[in-house]
Protein backbone atom coordinates (compact mmCIF):
# COMPACT_ATOMS: atom_id res chain seq x y z
CA MET A 1 -20.71 -105.65 112.79
CA LYS A 2 -17.91 -104.63 110.46
CA TYR A 3 -17.49 -102.17 107.62
CA LEU A 4 -17.66 -103.93 104.25
CA GLY A 5 -16.90 -100.90 102.08
CA GLU A 6 -19.09 -98.75 99.88
CA VAL A 7 -22.42 -100.25 98.83
CA LYS A 8 -22.42 -101.37 95.19
CA LYS A 9 -25.63 -103.41 95.06
CA ILE A 10 -28.79 -103.76 97.14
CA LEU A 11 -31.86 -105.87 96.35
CA ASP A 12 -30.25 -106.71 93.00
CA MET A 13 -30.09 -103.01 92.05
CA GLU A 14 -26.71 -101.57 91.16
CA ILE A 15 -25.82 -98.28 92.85
CA SER A 16 -23.66 -95.65 91.16
CA ARG A 17 -22.56 -92.53 92.99
CA ASP A 18 -20.97 -89.24 91.99
CA ARG A 19 -19.68 -87.63 95.16
CA SER A 20 -18.60 -84.40 93.44
CA THR A 21 -22.21 -83.55 92.50
CA SER A 22 -23.88 -85.43 95.40
CA ARG A 23 -25.91 -87.63 93.04
CA PHE A 24 -26.58 -91.33 92.85
CA TRP A 25 -28.30 -93.66 90.39
CA LEU A 26 -30.03 -97.01 90.77
CA SER A 27 -29.96 -99.50 87.89
CA GLN A 28 -32.37 -102.40 87.53
CA GLU A 29 -30.72 -103.75 84.39
CA ASN A 30 -30.17 -107.23 85.90
CA PHE A 31 -33.84 -107.47 86.94
CA ILE A 32 -34.99 -106.48 83.46
CA LEU A 33 -32.70 -109.05 81.85
CA LYS A 34 -34.06 -111.76 84.18
CA MET A 35 -37.64 -110.84 83.27
CA LEU A 36 -36.84 -110.90 79.55
CA GLU A 37 -35.32 -114.36 79.95
CA MET A 38 -38.31 -115.56 81.95
CA PHE A 39 -40.69 -114.59 79.14
CA ASN A 40 -38.35 -115.80 76.36
CA MET A 41 -37.76 -112.27 75.09
CA ALA A 42 -34.03 -111.94 75.85
CA LYS A 43 -33.02 -112.29 72.21
CA ILE A 44 -35.60 -110.05 70.59
CA ARG A 45 -34.55 -107.50 68.00
CA LEU A 46 -34.72 -103.88 69.17
CA VAL A 47 -36.54 -101.29 67.12
CA THR A 48 -35.92 -97.56 67.36
CA THR A 49 -38.91 -95.26 67.06
CA LEU A 50 -38.08 -91.65 66.31
CA LEU A 51 -40.19 -88.72 67.45
CA ALA A 52 -40.53 -85.50 65.52
CA CYS A 53 -38.14 -82.85 66.83
CA HIS A 54 -41.04 -80.53 67.73
CA PHE A 55 -42.79 -83.22 69.79
CA ARG A 56 -42.59 -82.55 73.55
CA LEU A 57 -43.69 -84.90 76.30
CA SER A 58 -45.36 -83.43 79.36
CA SER A 59 -47.38 -84.68 82.30
CA SER A 60 -50.37 -82.61 81.14
CA LYS A 61 -50.62 -84.81 78.01
CA CYS A 62 -50.48 -88.00 80.06
CA SER A 63 -53.67 -89.89 80.84
CA ASN A 64 -53.51 -90.91 84.48
CA PRO A 65 -56.00 -93.57 85.56
CA GLN A 66 -55.14 -93.01 89.22
CA GLY A 67 -56.26 -89.39 89.16
CA ARG A 68 -53.05 -87.90 90.53
């Protein structure tokens, strides 16, 4: 076994790391792009939907079919 350097990708997820704050992020952008291509939606036009500035999202307003 040999050291191949810092991990950049695993299971097609990109890994980003910030050592100074001890945080890391996983990105599934490639997977999402593959799924969009599979369903012929890769070239759709994006639409932005704005929320009112007083609107707040919270878990108490979320309907949860699993009962958690």
